[in-house]
Protein backbone atom coordinates (compact mmCIF):
# COMPACT_ATOMS: atom_id res chain seq x y z
CA MET A 1 164.42 95.81 107.68
CA ASN A 2 162.30 94.85 110.62
CA PRO A 3 161.32 91.17 110.08
CA SER A 4 157.81 91.85 111.43
CA LEU A 5 157.26 94.63 108.91
CA ALA A 6 158.54 92.44 106.09
CA LEU A 7 156.18 89.62 107.09
CA ALA A 8 153.25 92.04 107.34
CA GLY A 9 153.98 93.33 103.84
CA LEU A 10 154.15 89.80 102.46
CA LEU A 11 150.82 88.88 104.04
CA ALA A 12 149.21 92.02 102.63
CA LEU A 13 150.25 90.90 99.16
CA CYS A 14 149.10 87.31 99.67
CA ILE A 15 145.69 87.87 101.28
CA PRO A 16 143.98 89.09 98.05
CA MET A 17 145.25 85.98 96.26
CA ILE A 18 143.51 82.62 96.25
CA GLY A 19 145.05 79.75 94.34
CA GLY A 20 147.34 82.12 92.46
CA ARG A 21 144.60 84.49 91.28
CA LEU A 22 142.96 87.59 92.64
CA ALA A 23 140.16 86.88 95.07
CA ALA A 24 136.65 87.47 93.76
CA ALA A 25 135.03 90.82 94.45
CA GLU A 26 131.41 91.78 95.11
CA VAL A 27 130.43 95.05 93.45
CA ALA A 28 127.17 96.93 94.03
CA VAL A 29 125.54 98.62 91.02
CA ALA A 30 122.68 101.12 91.16
CA ASP A 31 121.98 101.84 87.49
CA ALA A 32 122.66 100.62 83.96
CA VAL A 33 125.79 102.79 83.54
CA GLN A 34 127.35 101.39 86.71
CA LEU A 35 126.50 97.87 85.58
CA ARG A 36 128.32 98.31 82.27
CA ALA A 37 131.37 99.75 83.97
CA ALA A 38 131.45 97.02 86.62
CA ALA A 39 131.07 94.29 83.99
CA ALA A 40 133.89 95.75 81.90
CA ALA A 41 136.20 95.63 84.93
CA ALA A 42 134.98 92.27 86.25
CA ARG A 43 137.31 89.32 86.72
CA PRO A 44 136.35 85.64 86.87
CA GLY A 45 134.46 84.89 90.06
CA ASP A 46 133.27 88.45 90.64
CA VAL A 47 129.66 89.10 91.67
CA LEU A 48 127.78 92.21 90.53
CA VAL A 49 124.86 93.02 92.82
CA MET A 50 121.92 95.05 91.54
CA LYS A 51 120.36 97.48 94.01
CA ASP A 52 116.88 96.56 95.27
CA GLY A 53 114.01 98.52 93.75
CA THR A 54 112.33 99.08 90.39
CA TRP A 55 114.56 99.60 87.39
CA THR A 56 112.47 101.31 84.69
CA ASP A 57 113.36 101.89 81.03
CA VAL A 58 116.87 100.43 81.27
CA ASP A 59 119.11 98.86 78.64
CA LEU A 60 121.06 96.39 80.76
CA LEU A 61 124.26 94.93 79.34
CA LEU A 62 126.31 92.25 81.07
CA GLN A 63 129.38 92.01 78.86
CA ALA A 64 132.22 90.08 80.46
CA HIS A 65 134.14 86.81 80.42
CA GLY A 66 134.30 84.42 83.34
CA THR A 67 135.62 80.88 83.38
CA ALA A 68 134.05 77.47 83.89
CA GLU A 69 135.51 77.33 87.39
CA ALA A 70 134.72 80.97 88.23
CA PRO A 71 131.78 82.45 86.32
CA ILE A 72 130.91 86.12 86.67
CA THR A 73 127.51 86.55 88.33
CA LEU A 74 124.92 89.31 88.12
CA ARG A 75 122.36 88.94 90.89
CA ALA A 76 119.69 90.84 92.76
CA ALA A 77 120.61 92.18 96.19
CA THR A 78 117.38 90.49 97.32
CA PRO A 79 115.83 87.90 94.97
CA GLY A 80 112.55 89.18 93.56
CA VAL A 81 113.01 92.72 94.88
CA VAL A 82 114.95 93.92 91.84
CA VAL A 83 112.07 94.57 89.43
CA ILE A 84 112.81 95.47 85.81
CA SER A 85 109.94 97.07 83.92
CA GLY A 86 108.96 99.42 81.11
CA ASN A 87 111.13 99.78 78.01
CA SER A 88 113.77 97.48 79.45
CA SER A 89 115.89 94.56 78.32
CA LEU A 90 118.97 92.56 79.29
CA ARG A 91 121.77 91.40 77.01
CA ILE A 92 123.98 88.63 78.36
CA ALA A 93 127.10 89.07 76.24
CA GLY A 94 130.27 87.10 76.79
CA SER A 95 131.09 83.73 78.29
CA HIS A 96 130.59 81.92 81.58
CA LEU A 97 128.09 84.44 82.94
CA THR A 98 125.24 83.80 85.40
CA VAL A 99 122.19 86.00 85.98
CA GLU A 100 120.19 85.29 89.13
CA GLY A 101 117.20 86.56 91.10
CA LEU A 102 115.81 89.23 88.74
CA TRP A 103 112.12 89.86 88.11
CA PHE A 104 111.16 91.24 84.69
CA LYS A 105 107.65 92.55 85.34
CA ASP A 106 105.82 94.05 82.35
CA ALA A 107 109.14 94.60 80.60
CA LEU A 108 108.22 95.78 77.10
CA PRO A 109 111.36 96.70 75.15
CA THR A 110 110.61 98.65 71.99
CA LYS A 111 113.63 97.07 70.30
CA GLY A 112 114.75 93.48 70.66
CA ASP A 113 113.70 90.87 73.19
CA VAL A 114 113.47 90.93 76.97
CA VAL A 115 116.55 88.75 77.54
CA SER A 116 119.04 88.04 74.76
CA PHE A 117 122.15 85.88 74.97
CA ARG A 118 124.30 88.07 72.71
CA PHE A 119 125.78 91.54 72.28
CA ASP A 120 124.73 91.84 68.64
CA ALA A 121 124.28 89.64 65.57
CA LYS A 122 128.04 89.03 65.25
CA ASN A 123 128.90 88.61 68.93
CA LEU A 124 127.06 85.71 70.54
CA ALA A 125 127.30 84.46 74.11
CA SER A 126 128.50 81.05 75.26
CA HIS A 127 128.32 79.00 78.47
CA CYS A 128 125.86 81.37 80.16
CA ARG A 129 123.05 80.75 82.62
CA LEU A 130 119.74 82.40 83.55
CA THR A 131 118.51 81.07 86.89
CA GLN A 132 116.04 81.88 89.67
CA CYS A 133 114.50 84.67 87.56
CA ALA A 134 110.92 85.52 86.62
CA ILE A 135 109.43 87.14 83.54
CA THR A 136 105.77 88.03 83.94
CA GLU A 137 103.12 90.16 82.34
CA SER A 138 100.23 91.56 84.35
CA GLU A 139 96.69 91.30 83.08
CA GLY A 140 96.28 94.19 80.67
CA GLY A 141 99.94 95.09 81.08
CA GLY A 142 101.08 94.10 77.59
CA ASP A 143 101.20 96.15 74.42
CA GLY A 144 100.39 93.37 71.93
CA LYS A 145 103.66 93.77 70.03
CA GLU A 146 105.77 90.84 68.89
CA ARG A 147 108.83 90.03 70.98
CA LYS A 148 110.49 87.03 72.55
CA TRP A 149 110.99 86.83 76.28
CA VAL A 150 114.21 84.83 76.07
CA SER A 151 116.37 84.49 72.95
CA LEU A 152 119.23 82.01 73.21
CA TYR A 153 122.07 82.67 70.77
CA GLY A 154 125.43 80.95 70.71
CA ALA A 155 125.90 77.67 72.56
CA TYR A 156 126.11 75.87 75.90
CA HIS A 157 123.56 77.93 77.78
CA LYS A 158 121.24 76.93 80.62
CA VAL A 159 117.89 78.38 81.70
CA ASP A 160 116.73 76.81 84.95
CA HIS A 161 114.54 77.42 88.01
CA CYS A 162 112.85 80.37 86.27
CA HIS A 163 109.17 81.29 86.14
CA PHE A 164 107.29 82.64 83.12
CA ALA A 165 103.66 83.73 83.27
CA GLY A 166 101.08 85.91 81.53
CA LYS A 167 102.51 86.34 78.04
CA THR A 168 99.78 87.59 75.71
CA GLY A 169 101.70 89.32 72.92
CA LYS A 170 102.95 87.76 69.71
CA GLY A 171 106.25 85.93 69.57
CA THR A 172 107.67 82.81 71.13
CA LEU A 173 108.21 82.87 74.88
CA MET A 174 111.66 81.27 74.51
CA VAL A 175 113.60 80.41 71.38
CA VAL A 176 116.94 78.71 70.71
CA TRP A 177 118.35 80.24 67.54
CA LEU A 178 120.20 77.79 65.29
CA ASP A 179 123.59 78.54 63.78
CA GLY A 180 124.56 76.74 60.60
CA GLY A 181 121.60 74.38 60.83
CA GLU A 182 122.88 72.58 63.91
CA ALA A 183 120.38 71.13 66.36
CA PRO A 184 120.11 73.05 69.66
CA THR A 185 121.38 70.20 71.83
CA SER A 186 123.81 72.40 73.78
CA SER A 187 121.29 74.79 75.35
CA ARG A 188 119.06 73.46 78.13
CA PRO A 189 115.84 75.20 79.16
CA THR A 190 114.20 73.46 82.13
CA PRO A 191 110.57 73.68 83.27
CA SER A 192 109.36 76.67 85.27
CA ALA A 193 107.69 74.22 87.63
CA SER A 194 111.03 74.05 89.43
CA ALA A 195 111.20 77.82 89.87
CA SER A 196 112.19 79.30 93.19
CA SER A 197 109.39 80.01 95.66
CA TRP A 198 109.88 83.79 95.42
CA ALA A 199 109.43 83.66 91.63
CA ARG A 200 106.20 81.68 91.84
CA THR A 201 104.83 83.97 94.56
CA ALA A 202 105.85 87.14 92.72
CA ALA A 203 104.22 86.00 89.52
CA ARG A 204 100.87 85.72 91.26
CA SER A 205 101.04 89.25 92.71
């Protein structure tokens, strides 16, 4: 065999590998069905990128498992330009997942909460993060029904650099649900005062 061809073949096999694992991929998604499929196929370190624009009446599910060293990320193509509204919600289901740059504007799910850290009552998330996001309600944009904006189930979550504004309906803005009576010391919400500039600007528009 030609040594040059053999070397080229070896390099082709090695290039996708970093540190003994497949290199992370960036996958564009344009609707809720594509998001579910991309999440199901995602490997640690992968980034799922939501298409800019308004996503209306969508049941978003991020169900995947990353690692501490290589979380799986769902982010907006452009922070603040992916707007989720109407009968819409997001479930963060799995482990070592990060959601970044989304704006939930007048999101009024008829079932469940706006953002939930679980798949269902028996399958809770762990080691997940919501960051650089905004959840806002316009004046007169609510429906008065009871719902939480963020429900933290499971353990070892982080909510940081997010902005929340305008909630008028019933229900707690954010709640850490206890399991077995244990104190919620492993989930860390941080003040919205440290939110990204786009989130603060968007919330005023």
